[in-house]
Amino acid sequence: MMATTGGINTHRGAIWALGLLVAAAAIDTDNVSAEQTAALDGIRATLERFRVHMDSWVNEREFHDSDAILPPSDSSLAEMRELISGDGLIAG
């Protein structure tokens, strides 16, 4: 990923922020104040808009299988060690 982005690690921050949003959306609102419930509802609405946007983005693209992400099921342990050595499956 770092090679793809020219050394910029914004994707890591985006993944972290998305994790925070998902964790907040999973909070049980039975034991929180009305103000907190409203904030959590806002987070859930934001996540839903993001999901809809990503659905349309993904549907507009053509994806192909990648051995780097899903290696063949008959890969040996030595082949897997070589695949994930160094920078791992995703460089950076």
C-alpha atoms as a PDB file:
ATOM      1  CA  MET A   1       0.000   0.000   0.000  1.00  0.00           C
ATOM      2  CA  MET A   2       2.839   2.415   0.808  1.00  0.00           C
ATOM      3  CA  ALA A   3       4.351   1.809  -2.633  1.00  0.00           C
ATOM      4  CA  THR A   4       0.992   2.476  -4.271  1.00  0.00           C
ATOM      5  CA  THR A   5       0.485   5.733  -2.355  1.00  0.00           C
ATOM      6  CA  GLY A   6       4.050   6.975  -2.802  1.00  0.00           C
ATOM      7  CA  GLY A   7       4.890   6.589   0.881  1.00  0.00           C
ATOM      8  CA  ILE A   8       1.768   8.328   2.177  1.00  0.00           C
ATOM      9  CA  ASN A   9       0.031   6.349   4.912  1.00  0.00           C
ATOM     10  CA  THR A  10      -3.354   8.072   4.897  1.00  0.00           C
ATOM     11  CA  HIS A  11      -4.995   4.691   4.329  1.00  0.00           C
ATOM     12  CA  ARG A  12      -3.882   3.607   7.803  1.00  0.00           C
ATOM     13  CA  GLY A  13      -5.620   6.590   9.371  1.00  0.00           C
ATOM     14  CA  ALA A  14      -8.740   5.933   7.329  1.00  0.00           C
ATOM     15  CA  ILE A  15      -8.834   2.302   8.447  1.00  0.00           C
ATOM     16  CA  TRP A  16      -8.331   3.359  12.069  1.00  0.00           C
ATOM     17  CA  ALA A  17     -11.095   5.999  11.856  1.00  0.00           C
ATOM     18  CA  LEU A  18     -13.479   3.541  10.214  1.00  0.00           C
ATOM     19  CA  GLY A  19     -12.783   1.108  13.055  1.00  0.00           C
ATOM     20  CA  LEU A  20     -13.703   3.786  15.596  1.00  0.00           C
ATOM     21  CA  LEU A  21     -16.941   4.518  13.737  1.00  0.00           C
ATOM     22  CA  VAL A  22     -17.885   0.846  13.587  1.00  0.00           C
ATOM     23  CA  ALA A  23     -17.105   0.393  17.287  1.00  0.00           C
ATOM     24  CA  ALA A  24     -19.244   3.417  18.169  1.00  0.00           C
ATOM     25  CA  ALA A  25     -22.094   2.150  15.998  1.00  0.00           C
ATOM     26  CA  ALA A  26     -22.025  -1.164  17.858  1.00  0.00           C
ATOM     27  CA  ILE A  27     -22.662   0.436  21.263  1.00  0.00           C
ATOM     28  CA  ASP A  28     -25.874  -0.700  22.931  1.00  0.00           C
ATOM     29  CA  THR A  29     -28.005   2.422  23.343  1.00  0.00           C
ATOM     30  CA  ASP A  30     -30.152   0.994  26.134  1.00  0.00           C
ATOM     31  CA  ASN A  31     -27.839   2.383  28.818  1.00  0.00           C
ATOM     32  CA  VAL A  32     -26.838   5.776  27.403  1.00  0.00           C
ATOM     33  CA  SER A  33     -28.393   9.229  27.514  1.00  0.00           C
ATOM     34  CA  ALA A  34     -30.707  10.599  24.830  1.00  0.00           C
ATOM     35  CA  GLU A  35     -27.903  12.923  23.694  1.00  0.00           C
ATOM     36  CA  GLN A  36     -25.479  10.007  23.342  1.00  0.00           C
ATOM     37  CA  THR A  37     -28.133   7.983  21.505  1.00  0.00           C
ATOM     38  CA  ALA A  38     -28.610  10.845  19.046  1.00  0.00           C
ATOM     39  CA  ALA A  39     -24.844  11.021  18.472  1.00  0.00           C
ATOM     40  CA  LEU A  40     -24.677   7.271  17.895  1.00  0.00           C
ATOM     41  CA  ASP A  41     -27.618   7.476  15.486  1.00  0.00           C
ATOM     42  CA  GLY A  42     -25.651  10.117  13.570  1.00  0.00           C
ATOM     43  CA  ILE A  43     -22.639   7.813  13.404  1.00  0.00           C
ATOM     44  CA  ARG A  44     -24.835   4.968  12.166  1.00  0.00           C
ATOM     45  CA  ALA A  45     -26.337   7.235   9.496  1.00  0.00           C
ATOM     46  CA  THR A  46     -22.837   8.258   8.379  1.00  0.00           C
ATOM     47  CA  LEU A  47     -21.768   4.625   8.145  1.00  0.00           C
ATOM     48  CA  GLU A  48     -24.876   3.812   6.103  1.00  0.00           C
ATOM     49  CA  ARG A  49     -24.096   6.633   3.655  1.00  0.00           C
ATOM     50  CA  PHE A  50     -20.526   5.346   3.414  1.00  0.00           C
ATOM     51  CA  ARG A  51     -21.796   1.794   2.766  1.00  0.00           C
ATOM     52  CA  VAL A  52     -24.123   2.989  -0.001  1.00  0.00           C
ATOM     53  CA  HIS A  53     -21.304   4.998  -1.575  1.00  0.00           C
ATOM     54  CA  MET A  54     -18.899   2.044  -1.419  1.00  0.00           C
ATOM     55  CA  ASP A  55     -21.530  -0.314  -2.867  1.00  0.00           C
ATOM     56  CA  SER A  56     -21.916   1.919  -5.906  1.00  0.00           C
ATOM     57  CA  TRP A  57     -18.133   2.375  -6.197  1.00  0.00           C
ATOM     58  CA  VAL A  58     -17.504  -1.372  -6.063  1.00  0.00           C
ATOM     59  CA  ASN A  59     -20.311  -2.152  -8.514  1.00  0.00           C
ATOM     60  CA  GLU A  60     -18.771   0.206 -11.087  1.00  0.00           C
ATOM     61  CA  ARG A  61     -15.456  -1.681 -11.121  1.00  0.00           C
ATOM     62  CA  GLU A  62     -14.277  -5.031 -12.341  1.00  0.00           C
ATOM     63  CA  PHE A  63     -12.221  -7.051  -9.875  1.00  0.00           C
ATOM     64  CA  HIS A  64      -9.936  -9.999 -10.525  1.00  0.00           C
ATOM     65  CA  ASP A  65      -8.644 -12.752  -8.280  1.00  0.00           C
ATOM     66  CA  SER A  66      -5.182 -12.182  -6.849  1.00  0.00           C
ATOM     67  CA  ASP A  67      -2.809 -14.878  -5.627  1.00  0.00           C
ATOM     68  CA  ALA A  68      -1.191 -12.263  -3.364  1.00  0.00           C
ATOM     69  CA  ILE A  69      -4.413 -11.836  -1.387  1.00  0.00           C
ATOM     70  CA  LEU A  70      -5.855 -15.347  -1.590  1.00  0.00           C
ATOM     71  CA  PRO A  71      -3.016 -17.746  -2.306  1.00  0.00           C
ATOM     72  CA  PRO A  72      -3.799 -21.077  -3.918  1.00  0.00           C
ATOM     73  CA  SER A  73      -5.196 -23.587  -1.440  1.00  0.00           C
ATOM     74  CA  ASP A  74      -2.448 -26.071  -2.320  1.00  0.00           C
ATOM     75  CA  SER A  75       0.378 -23.661  -1.381  1.00  0.00           C
ATOM     76  CA  SER A  76       3.153 -25.208   0.675  1.00  0.00           C
ATOM     77  CA  LEU A  77       4.364 -23.789   3.975  1.00  0.00           C
ATOM     78  CA  ALA A  78       7.622 -22.756   2.277  1.00  0.00           C
ATOM     79  CA  GLU A  79       5.694 -20.942  -0.472  1.00  0.00           C
ATOM     80  CA  MET A  80       3.586 -19.121   2.125  1.00  0.00           C
ATOM     81  CA  ARG A  81       6.677 -18.107   4.128  1.00  0.00           C
ATOM     82  CA  GLU A  82       8.212 -16.672   0.974  1.00  0.00           C
ATOM     83  CA  LEU A  83       4.979 -14.874   0.062  1.00  0.00           C
ATOM     84  CA  ILE A  84       4.620 -13.140   3.432  1.00  0.00           C
ATOM     85  CA  SER A  85       8.314 -12.443   4.084  1.00  0.00           C
ATOM     86  CA  GLY A  86       9.735  -8.938   3.800  1.00  0.00           C
ATOM     87  CA  ASP A  87       6.939  -6.433   3.264  1.00  0.00           C
ATOM     88  CA  GLY A  88       4.272  -9.133   3.571  1.00  0.00           C
ATOM     89  CA  LEU A  89       1.175  -9.407   1.413  1.00  0.00           C
ATOM     90  CA  ILE A  90       0.783  -5.638   1.145  1.00  0.00           C
ATOM     91  CA  ALA A  91       4.017  -3.713   0.954  1.00  0.00           C
ATOM     92  CA  GLY A  92       4.419  -0.897   3.461  1.00  0.00           C
END
